[in-house]
Amino acid sequence: MKNKMRSRLTTAALTMVLFLPFAASAQNGVQPREVPDSQKDQSFDHHSLSGIWWGHAARGTRNSLSATPPPMTQWAQQRHDAAKPGLGPRGQPLGNDPMMICDPMGYPRILFWNNYPYEIIQLPDRMIMFFDWFYTYRTIWTDGRELPSDPDPRWYGYSVGKWDGDVFVVQSNGFDDRTWLDADGHPHSDEMRLEERYHRTDHNTIELGMTLNDPRAYTKPWVSEKFTFKLADGKTEMREDVCVPSVEAKYKETIREPAGGAAVIKK
């Protein structure tokens, strides 16, 4: 029963533009549970990011780095024009969003799906960020290695990190250019470089700023709005929220039928 319900939630969320009355039900069961202010512990280690967290994007960013992207190059504009999102002002249910065929979400896009928690695990030589949405992870190496100059393309990039005072600085490259940066279909090239700066400001809060450099796609760096992580309460667990290709294929088949939207979400 839970698996059937989860499939309905996934497809309903992907088509919220057409089925707004059902958008609220698409989020049932994954409401953020954060540590209440009354239970805050003021003691914390600035150099510890471990824990399960809920993400909060700045208002108006629409599941992207910022509300307004920098000007695109002609190469990027052509790719953006060819993108057919399933959400947002350009949304259409049978678009070409890579996640509609269960291709990996890519980074930083997966970060913006903040109705699902993230878990950060720190090990002696690496930091692992695990994402409930799409049930996947990325590795950030902290053993002192440098970024490779010509890495093989990766869905979530190749990342290294180190501490600069109380700020954890991550440098990433090697991103597979098939992924989108956000739900609107903003593209990137394989030349993309991403810098992230994580600062744990109190026991329950991490603030993140990002700067994306991709001269093939954007005429200047794309500087993000502030993204905030809030510590989850002790009852929050990571689930197995896997994108199943057969389910997505059935969804596309169903919505081609008359009144298919209702068929997808009915109990």
C-alpha atoms as a PDB file:
ATOM      1  CA  MET A   1       0.000   0.000   0.000  1.00  0.00           C
ATOM      2  CA  LYS A   2       2.778   2.440   0.880  1.00  0.00           C
ATOM      3  CA  ASN A   3       4.579   1.798  -2.418  1.00  0.00           C
ATOM      4  CA  LYS A   4       1.380   2.447  -4.379  1.00  0.00           C
ATOM      5  CA  MET A   5       0.761   5.645  -2.459  1.00  0.00           C
ATOM      6  CA  ARG A   6       4.345   6.804  -2.999  1.00  0.00           C
ATOM      7  CA  SER A   7       4.014   6.246  -6.751  1.00  0.00           C
ATOM      8  CA  ARG A   8       0.900   8.393  -6.796  1.00  0.00           C
ATOM      9  CA  LEU A   9       2.670  11.113  -4.820  1.00  0.00           C
ATOM     10  CA  THR A  10       5.582  11.148  -7.253  1.00  0.00           C
ATOM     11  CA  THR A  11       3.440  11.466 -10.359  1.00  0.00           C
ATOM     12  CA  ALA A  12       1.122  14.003  -8.789  1.00  0.00           C
ATOM     13  CA  ALA A  13       4.071  16.190  -7.819  1.00  0.00           C
ATOM     14  CA  LEU A  14       5.441  16.069 -11.345  1.00  0.00           C
ATOM     15  CA  THR A  15       2.173  17.359 -12.771  1.00  0.00           C
ATOM     16  CA  MET A  16       1.122  19.901 -10.156  1.00  0.00           C
ATOM     17  CA  VAL A  17       0.845  22.573 -12.834  1.00  0.00           C
ATOM     18  CA  LEU A  18      -2.223  20.852 -14.300  1.00  0.00           C
ATOM     19  CA  PHE A  19      -3.508  19.265 -11.122  1.00  0.00           C
ATOM     20  CA  LEU A  20      -3.183  22.032  -8.538  1.00  0.00           C
ATOM     21  CA  PRO A  21      -6.024  20.685  -6.366  1.00  0.00           C
ATOM     22  CA  PHE A  22      -3.913  17.640  -5.674  1.00  0.00           C
ATOM     23  CA  ALA A  23      -0.632  19.422  -4.932  1.00  0.00           C
ATOM     24  CA  ALA A  24      -1.221  19.353  -1.204  1.00  0.00           C
ATOM     25  CA  SER A  25      -1.836  15.610  -1.194  1.00  0.00           C
ATOM     26  CA  ALA A  26       1.422  15.104  -3.088  1.00  0.00           C
ATOM     27  CA  GLN A  27       3.296  16.287  -0.029  1.00  0.00           C
ATOM     28  CA  ASN A  28       1.429  14.303   2.614  1.00  0.00           C
ATOM     29  CA  GLY A  29       3.661  12.068   4.651  1.00  0.00           C
ATOM     30  CA  VAL A  30       6.873  14.020   4.006  1.00  0.00           C
ATOM     31  CA  GLN A  31       6.237  17.129   6.052  1.00  0.00           C
ATOM     32  CA  PRO A  32       9.453  18.494   7.613  1.00  0.00           C
ATOM     33  CA  ARG A  33       9.833  17.777  11.302  1.00  0.00           C
ATOM     34  CA  GLU A  34      12.491  20.055  12.735  1.00  0.00           C
ATOM     35  CA  VAL A  35      13.833  20.446  16.240  1.00  0.00           C
ATOM     36  CA  PRO A  36      11.537  22.945  18.045  1.00  0.00           C
ATOM     37  CA  ASP A  37      13.100  26.151  19.360  1.00  0.00           C
ATOM     38  CA  SER A  38      12.253  25.055  22.898  1.00  0.00           C
ATOM     39  CA  GLN A  39      14.476  21.997  22.488  1.00  0.00           C
ATOM     40  CA  LYS A  40      17.508  23.699  20.973  1.00  0.00           C
ATOM     41  CA  ASP A  41      20.889  22.716  22.364  1.00  0.00           C
ATOM     42  CA  GLN A  42      23.155  25.732  22.211  1.00  0.00           C
ATOM     43  CA  SER A  43      26.339  23.636  22.281  1.00  0.00           C
ATOM     44  CA  PHE A  44      27.585  22.391  18.908  1.00  0.00           C
ATOM     45  CA  ASP A  45      30.728  21.733  16.915  1.00  0.00           C
ATOM     46  CA  HIS A  46      31.216  24.220  14.078  1.00  0.00           C
ATOM     47  CA  HIS A  47      33.111  21.527  12.171  1.00  0.00           C
ATOM     48  CA  SER A  48      30.355  18.919  12.376  1.00  0.00           C
ATOM     49  CA  LEU A  49      27.719  18.877   9.649  1.00  0.00           C
ATOM     50  CA  SER A  50      26.526  15.343  10.407  1.00  0.00           C
ATOM     51  CA  GLY A  51      22.833  14.700  10.866  1.00  0.00           C
ATOM     52  CA  ILE A  52      19.530  14.564   9.031  1.00  0.00           C
ATOM     53  CA  TRP A  53      18.440  17.947   7.716  1.00  0.00           C
ATOM     54  CA  TRP A  54      15.554  19.681   5.967  1.00  0.00           C
ATOM     55  CA  GLY A  55      16.382  22.224   3.261  1.00  0.00           C
ATOM     56  CA  HIS A  56      14.888  25.694   2.873  1.00  0.00           C
ATOM     57  CA  ALA A  57      15.473  27.695  -0.292  1.00  0.00           C
ATOM     58  CA  ALA A  58      15.235  31.470  -0.255  1.00  0.00           C
ATOM     59  CA  ARG A  59      11.789  32.781  -1.115  1.00  0.00           C
ATOM     60  CA  GLY A  60      11.197  33.351  -4.812  1.00  0.00           C
ATOM     61  CA  THR A  61      14.004  31.143  -6.116  1.00  0.00           C
ATOM     62  CA  ARG A  62      11.544  28.622  -7.625  1.00  0.00           C
ATOM     63  CA  ASN A  63      13.669  25.529  -7.042  1.00  0.00           C
ATOM     64  CA  SER A  64      16.787  27.109  -8.507  1.00  0.00           C
ATOM     65  CA  LEU A  65      19.986  28.793  -7.347  1.00  0.00           C
ATOM     66  CA  SER A  66      18.345  32.213  -7.456  1.00  0.00           C
ATOM     67  CA  ALA A  67      15.255  33.943  -8.770  1.00  0.00           C
ATOM     68  CA  THR A  68      17.107  35.335 -11.787  1.00  0.00           C
ATOM     69  CA  PRO A  69      19.871  33.429 -13.623  1.00  0.00           C
ATOM     70  CA  PRO A  70      22.741  35.264 -15.293  1.00  0.00           C
ATOM     71  CA  PRO A  71      22.530  35.870 -19.046  1.00  0.00           C
ATOM     72  CA  MET A  72      22.931  32.682 -21.054  1.00  0.00           C
ATOM     73  CA  THR A  73      25.229  32.165 -24.009  1.00  0.00           C
ATOM     74  CA  GLN A  74      23.711  31.255 -27.358  1.00  0.00           C
ATOM     75  CA  TRP A  75      24.653  27.611 -26.744  1.00  0.00           C
ATOM     76  CA  ALA A  76      22.836  27.555 -23.403  1.00  0.00           C
ATOM     77  CA  GLN A  77      19.827  29.510 -24.670  1.00  0.00           C
ATOM     78  CA  GLN A  78      19.248  26.948 -27.404  1.00  0.00           C
ATOM     79  CA  ARG A  79      19.337  24.117 -24.876  1.00  0.00           C
ATOM     80  CA  HIS A  80      17.039  25.998 -22.505  1.00  0.00           C
ATOM     81  CA  ASP A  81      14.551  26.676 -25.314  1.00  0.00           C
ATOM     82  CA  ALA A  82      14.543  22.958 -26.156  1.00  0.00           C
ATOM     83  CA  ALA A  83      13.814  21.959 -22.553  1.00  0.00           C
ATOM     84  CA  LYS A  84      10.181  21.131 -21.791  1.00  0.00           C
ATOM     85  CA  PRO A  85       9.772  21.113 -17.990  1.00  0.00           C
ATOM     86  CA  GLY A  86       7.029  19.272 -16.149  1.00  0.00           C
ATOM     87  CA  LEU A  87       6.722  22.046 -13.552  1.00  0.00           C
ATOM     88  CA  GLY A  88       6.749  25.823 -13.412  1.00  0.00           C
ATOM     89  CA  PRO A  89       5.514  28.477 -15.829  1.00  0.00           C
ATOM     90  CA  ARG A  90       6.701  26.472 -18.855  1.00  0.00           C
ATOM     91  CA  GLY A  91       5.444  23.166 -17.455  1.00  0.00           C
ATOM     92  CA  GLN A  92       3.760  20.477 -19.531  1.00  0.00           C
ATOM     93  CA  PRO A  93       2.958  16.921 -18.370  1.00  0.00           C
ATOM     94  CA  LEU A  94       4.648  15.121 -21.245  1.00  0.00           C
ATOM     95  CA  GLY A  95       7.796  17.215 -21.364  1.00  0.00           C
ATOM     96  CA  ASN A  96      11.382  16.064 -21.696  1.00  0.00           C
ATOM     97  CA  ASP A  97      12.531  16.548 -18.109  1.00  0.00           C
ATOM     98  CA  PRO A  98      15.259  13.906 -17.585  1.00  0.00           C
ATOM     99  CA  MET A  99      13.757  12.855 -14.268  1.00  0.00           C
ATOM    100  CA  MET A 100      10.583  11.786 -16.107  1.00  0.00           C
ATOM    101  CA  ILE A 101      12.548   8.768 -17.346  1.00  0.00           C
ATOM    102  CA  CYS A 102      14.306   8.359 -13.991  1.00  0.00           C
ATOM    103  CA  ASP A 103      17.618   9.802 -15.155  1.00  0.00           C
ATOM    104  CA  PRO A 104      19.599  11.071 -12.138  1.00  0.00           C
ATOM    105  CA  MET A 105      18.605  14.547 -10.978  1.00  0.00           C
ATOM    106  CA  GLY A 106      22.159  15.871 -10.911  1.00  0.00           C
ATOM    107  CA  TYR A 107      23.612  18.543  -8.657  1.00  0.00           C
ATOM    108  CA  PRO A 108      22.720  21.078  -7.408  1.00  0.00           C
ATOM    109  CA  ARG A 109      19.194  20.403  -8.688  1.00  0.00           C
ATOM    110  CA  ILE A 110      18.542  17.513  -6.290  1.00  0.00           C
ATOM    111  CA  LEU A 111      19.276  19.876  -3.402  1.00  0.00           C
ATOM    112  CA  PHE A 112      16.266  22.038  -4.266  1.00  0.00           C
ATOM    113  CA  TRP A 113      13.775  19.171  -3.859  1.00  0.00           C
ATOM    114  CA  ASN A 114      13.450  20.110  -0.230  1.00  0.00           C
ATOM    115  CA  ASN A 115      10.260  18.271   0.698  1.00  0.00           C
ATOM    116  CA  TYR A 116      12.580  15.323   1.247  1.00  0.00           C
ATOM    117  CA  PRO A 117      15.334  15.157   3.884  1.00  0.00           C
ATOM    118  CA  TYR A 118      19.080  14.894   3.425  1.00  0.00           C
ATOM    119  CA  GLU A 119      21.584  13.091   5.602  1.00  0.00           C
ATOM    120  CA  ILE A 120      25.201  14.202   5.989  1.00  0.00           C
ATOM    121  CA  ILE A 121      27.734  11.667   7.239  1.00  0.00           C
ATOM    122  CA  GLN A 122      31.320  12.705   8.029  1.00  0.00           C
ATOM    123  CA  LEU A 123      34.072  10.095   7.806  1.00  0.00           C
ATOM    124  CA  PRO A 124      37.837  10.574   8.293  1.00  0.00           C
ATOM    125  CA  ASP A 125      38.534  10.921   4.561  1.00  0.00           C
ATOM    126  CA  ARG A 126      35.219  11.973   3.049  1.00  0.00           C
ATOM    127  CA  MET A 127      31.813  13.481   3.620  1.00  0.00           C
ATOM    128  CA  ILE A 128      28.737  11.780   2.197  1.00  0.00           C
ATOM    129  CA  MET A 129      25.524  13.627   1.369  1.00  0.00           C
ATOM    130  CA  PHE A 130      22.635  11.202   1.083  1.00  0.00           C
ATOM    131  CA  PHE A 131      19.376  12.316  -0.570  1.00  0.00           C
ATOM    132  CA  ASP A 132      16.022  10.752   0.213  1.00  0.00           C
ATOM    133  CA  TRP A 133      14.630  11.970  -3.135  1.00  0.00           C
ATOM    134  CA  PHE A 134      15.814   9.529  -5.833  1.00  0.00           C
ATOM    135  CA  TYR A 135      17.579   7.620  -2.989  1.00  0.00           C
ATOM    136  CA  THR A 136      21.109   8.566  -3.995  1.00  0.00           C
ATOM    137  CA  TYR A 137      24.274  10.164  -2.632  1.00  0.00           C
ATOM    138  CA  ARG A 138      27.349  12.214  -3.496  1.00  0.00           C
ATOM    139  CA  THR A 139      30.846  11.928  -2.039  1.00  0.00           C
ATOM    140  CA  ILE A 140      32.972  14.919  -1.029  1.00  0.00           C
ATOM    141  CA  TRP A 141      36.609  13.896  -0.525  1.00  0.00           C
ATOM    142  CA  THR A 142      38.364  15.514   2.445  1.00  0.00           C
ATOM    143  CA  ASP A 143      41.697  13.645   2.327  1.00  0.00           C
ATOM    144  CA  GLY A 144      43.612  16.539   0.765  1.00  0.00           C
ATOM    145  CA  ARG A 145      43.395  15.476  -2.866  1.00  0.00           C
ATOM    146  CA  GLU A 146      43.030  18.008  -5.661  1.00  0.00           C
ATOM    147  CA  LEU A 147      40.247  18.087  -8.205  1.00  0.00           C
ATOM    148  CA  PRO A 148      41.173  16.032 -11.282  1.00  0.00           C
ATOM    149  CA  SER A 149      41.860  18.184 -14.315  1.00  0.00           C
ATOM    150  CA  ASP A 150      39.842  16.026 -16.716  1.00  0.00           C
ATOM    151  CA  PRO A 151      37.508  13.733 -14.762  1.00  0.00           C
ATOM    152  CA  ASP A 152      35.083  11.295 -16.321  1.00  0.00           C
ATOM    153  CA  PRO A 153      31.585  12.825 -16.364  1.00  0.00           C
ATOM    154  CA  ARG A 154      29.518  12.102 -13.254  1.00  0.00           C
ATOM    155  CA  TRP A 155      25.873  12.762 -12.581  1.00  0.00           C
ATOM    156  CA  TYR A 156      26.703  14.496  -9.279  1.00  0.00           C
ATOM    157  CA  GLY A 157      30.184  15.731 -10.126  1.00  0.00           C
ATOM    158  CA  TYR A 158      33.567  15.066  -8.549  1.00  0.00           C
ATOM    159  CA  SER A 159      33.969  16.963  -5.270  1.00  0.00           C
ATOM    160  CA  VAL A 160      36.691  17.806  -2.762  1.00  0.00           C
ATOM    161  CA  GLY A 161      36.270  19.800   0.423  1.00  0.00           C
ATOM    162  CA  LYS A 162      38.272  21.420   3.206  1.00  0.00           C
ATOM    163  CA  TRP A 163      37.701  23.701   6.157  1.00  0.00           C
ATOM    164  CA  ASP A 164      38.441  27.411   5.927  1.00  0.00           C
ATOM    165  CA  GLY A 165      37.981  28.448   9.537  1.00  0.00           C
ATOM    166  CA  ASP A 166      34.400  27.501  10.390  1.00  0.00           C
ATOM    167  CA  VAL A 167      33.338  27.290   6.740  1.00  0.00           C
ATOM    168  CA  PHE A 168      33.418  24.011   4.835  1.00  0.00           C
ATOM    169  CA  VAL A 169      34.383  24.828   1.238  1.00  0.00           C
ATOM    170  CA  VAL A 170      33.581  22.341  -1.531  1.00  0.00           C
ATOM    171  CA  GLN A 171      34.923  22.531  -5.088  1.00  0.00           C
ATOM    172  CA  SER A 172      33.339  20.350  -7.767  1.00  0.00           C
ATOM    173  CA  ASN A 173      33.783  19.649 -11.469  1.00  0.00           C
ATOM    174  CA  GLY A 174      33.197  16.798 -13.907  1.00  0.00           C
ATOM    175  CA  PHE A 175      29.423  17.234 -14.158  1.00  0.00           C
ATOM    176  CA  ASP A 176      27.555  15.260 -16.806  1.00  0.00           C
ATOM    177  CA  ASP A 177      25.904  17.884 -19.018  1.00  0.00           C
ATOM    178  CA  ARG A 178      22.736  15.826 -19.516  1.00  0.00           C
ATOM    179  CA  THR A 179      21.354  17.027 -16.177  1.00  0.00           C
ATOM    180  CA  TRP A 180      19.369  20.219 -15.620  1.00  0.00           C
ATOM    181  CA  LEU A 181      20.305  22.764 -12.976  1.00  0.00           C
ATOM    182  CA  ASP A 182      16.696  23.315 -11.938  1.00  0.00           C
ATOM    183  CA  ALA A 183      13.089  22.439 -12.713  1.00  0.00           C
ATOM    184  CA  ASP A 184      12.944  25.118 -15.439  1.00  0.00           C
ATOM    185  CA  GLY A 185      15.540  23.338 -17.538  1.00  0.00           C
ATOM    186  CA  HIS A 186      18.503  25.684 -17.163  1.00  0.00           C
ATOM    187  CA  PRO A 187      21.440  23.829 -18.698  1.00  0.00           C
ATOM    188  CA  HIS A 188      25.118  23.522 -17.910  1.00  0.00           C
ATOM    189  CA  SER A 189      28.100  22.231 -19.843  1.00  0.00           C
ATOM    190  CA  ASP A 190      30.816  19.779 -18.883  1.00  0.00           C
ATOM    191  CA  GLU A 191      32.975  22.832 -18.108  1.00  0.00           C
ATOM    192  CA  MET A 192      30.842  23.734 -15.093  1.00  0.00           C
ATOM    193  CA  ARG A 193      32.613  24.359 -11.795  1.00  0.00           C
ATOM    194  CA  LEU A 194      30.726  24.728  -8.537  1.00  0.00           C
ATOM    195  CA  GLU A 195      31.877  26.179  -5.214  1.00  0.00           C
ATOM    196  CA  GLU A 196      29.810  25.570  -2.086  1.00  0.00           C
ATOM    197  CA  ARG A 197      30.375  27.187   1.305  1.00  0.00           C
ATOM    198  CA  TYR A 198      28.696  25.525   4.308  1.00  0.00           C
ATOM    199  CA  HIS A 199      28.589  27.394   7.631  1.00  0.00           C
ATOM    200  CA  ARG A 200      26.984  25.896  10.715  1.00  0.00           C
ATOM    201  CA  THR A 201      25.699  28.997  12.441  1.00  0.00           C
ATOM    202  CA  ASP A 202      24.041  27.262  15.412  1.00  0.00           C
ATOM    203  CA  HIS A 203      23.118  23.797  16.636  1.00  0.00           C
ATOM    204  CA  ASN A 204      20.113  23.545  14.334  1.00  0.00           C
ATOM    205  CA  THR A 205      21.203  25.559  11.294  1.00  0.00           C
ATOM    206  CA  ILE A 206      23.621  25.297   8.365  1.00  0.00           C
ATOM    207  CA  GLU A 207      23.780  28.093   5.804  1.00  0.00           C
ATOM    208  CA  LEU A 208      24.956  27.358   2.264  1.00  0.00           C
ATOM    209  CA  GLY A 209      26.053  29.715  -0.496  1.00  0.00           C
ATOM    210  CA  MET A 210      26.961  28.520  -3.998  1.00  0.00           C
ATOM    211  CA  THR A 211      28.788  30.026  -6.950  1.00  0.00           C
ATOM    212  CA  LEU A 212      28.504  28.336 -10.330  1.00  0.00           C
ATOM    213  CA  ASN A 213      31.007  29.115 -13.077  1.00  0.00           C
ATOM    214  CA  ASP A 214      30.324  27.833 -16.577  1.00  0.00           C
ATOM    215  CA  PRO A 215      31.635  30.154 -19.305  1.00  0.00           C
ATOM    216  CA  ARG A 216      30.182  27.988 -22.060  1.00  0.00           C
ATOM    217  CA  ALA A 217      26.674  28.408 -20.649  1.00  0.00           C
ATOM    218  CA  TYR A 218      26.599  31.726 -18.728  1.00  0.00           C
ATOM    219  CA  THR A 219      28.230  35.067 -19.348  1.00  0.00           C
ATOM    220  CA  LYS A 220      29.062  35.567 -15.665  1.00  0.00           C
ATOM    221  CA  PRO A 221      29.106  33.489 -12.465  1.00  0.00           C
ATOM    222  CA  TRP A 222      25.755  32.389 -11.108  1.00  0.00           C
ATOM    223  CA  VAL A 223      25.718  33.273  -7.392  1.00  0.00           C
ATOM    224  CA  SER A 224      22.997  31.563  -5.393  1.00  0.00           C
ATOM    225  CA  GLU A 225      20.633  32.928  -2.816  1.00  0.00           C
ATOM    226  CA  LYS A 226      21.271  31.603   0.690  1.00  0.00           C
ATOM    227  CA  PHE A 227      20.103  28.019   1.180  1.00  0.00           C
ATOM    228  CA  THR A 228      19.421  26.889   4.759  1.00  0.00           C
ATOM    229  CA  PHE A 229      19.489  23.441   6.366  1.00  0.00           C
ATOM    230  CA  LYS A 230      17.457  22.903   9.540  1.00  0.00           C
ATOM    231  CA  LEU A 231      18.196  19.939  11.803  1.00  0.00           C
ATOM    232  CA  ALA A 232      15.448  17.308  11.735  1.00  0.00           C
ATOM    233  CA  ASP A 233      13.962  15.956  14.907  1.00  0.00           C
ATOM    234  CA  GLY A 234      14.854  12.481  16.132  1.00  0.00           C
ATOM    235  CA  LYS A 235      11.791  10.895  14.506  1.00  0.00           C
ATOM    236  CA  THR A 236      12.790  11.736  10.931  1.00  0.00           C
ATOM    237  CA  GLU A 237      14.130   8.768   8.973  1.00  0.00           C
ATOM    238  CA  MET A 238      15.553   8.407   5.495  1.00  0.00           C
ATOM    239  CA  ARG A 239      13.241   6.363   3.302  1.00  0.00           C
ATOM    240  CA  GLU A 240      13.700   4.392   0.083  1.00  0.00           C
ATOM    241  CA  ASP A 241      12.234   6.854  -2.391  1.00  0.00           C
ATOM    242  CA  VAL A 242      13.408   5.279  -5.633  1.00  0.00           C
ATOM    243  CA  CYS A 243      12.398   6.481  -9.095  1.00  0.00           C
ATOM    244  CA  VAL A 244      11.100   3.373 -10.884  1.00  0.00           C
ATOM    245  CA  PRO A 245      11.243   3.513 -14.722  1.00  0.00           C
ATOM    246  CA  SER A 246       8.272   1.173 -15.156  1.00  0.00           C
ATOM    247  CA  VAL A 247       6.126   3.392 -12.909  1.00  0.00           C
ATOM    248  CA  GLU A 248       7.088   6.523 -14.824  1.00  0.00           C
ATOM    249  CA  ALA A 249       6.343   4.793 -18.142  1.00  0.00           C
ATOM    250  CA  LYS A 250       2.908   3.776 -16.881  1.00  0.00           C
ATOM    251  CA  TYR A 251       2.301   7.334 -15.727  1.00  0.00           C
ATOM    252  CA  LYS A 252       3.044   8.746 -19.174  1.00  0.00           C
ATOM    253  CA  GLU A 253       0.775   6.156 -20.763  1.00  0.00           C
ATOM    254  CA  THR A 254      -2.038   7.001 -18.350  1.00  0.00           C
ATOM    255  CA  ILE A 255      -2.038  10.779 -18.772  1.00  0.00           C
ATOM    256  CA  ARG A 256      -2.366  10.411 -22.550  1.00  0.00           C
ATOM    257  CA  GLU A 257      -5.874   9.053 -21.888  1.00  0.00           C
ATOM    258  CA  PRO A 258      -8.863  11.412 -21.417  1.00  0.00           C
ATOM    259  CA  ALA A 259      -8.987  12.654 -17.822  1.00  0.00           C
ATOM    260  CA  GLY A 260      -5.778  10.781 -17.212  1.00  0.00           C
ATOM    261  CA  GLY A 261      -4.768  13.090 -14.404  1.00  0.00           C
ATOM    262  CA  ALA A 262      -7.582  11.892 -12.212  1.00  0.00           C
ATOM    263  CA  ALA A 263      -6.718   8.279 -12.970  1.00  0.00           C
ATOM    264  CA  VAL A 264      -3.165   8.751 -11.814  1.00  0.00           C
ATOM    265  CA  ILE A 265      -4.002   9.986  -8.356  1.00  0.00           C
ATOM    266  CA  LYS A 266      -7.225   8.215  -7.474  1.00  0.00           C
ATOM    267  CA  LYS A 267      -7.075   5.731  -4.611  1.00  0.00           C
END
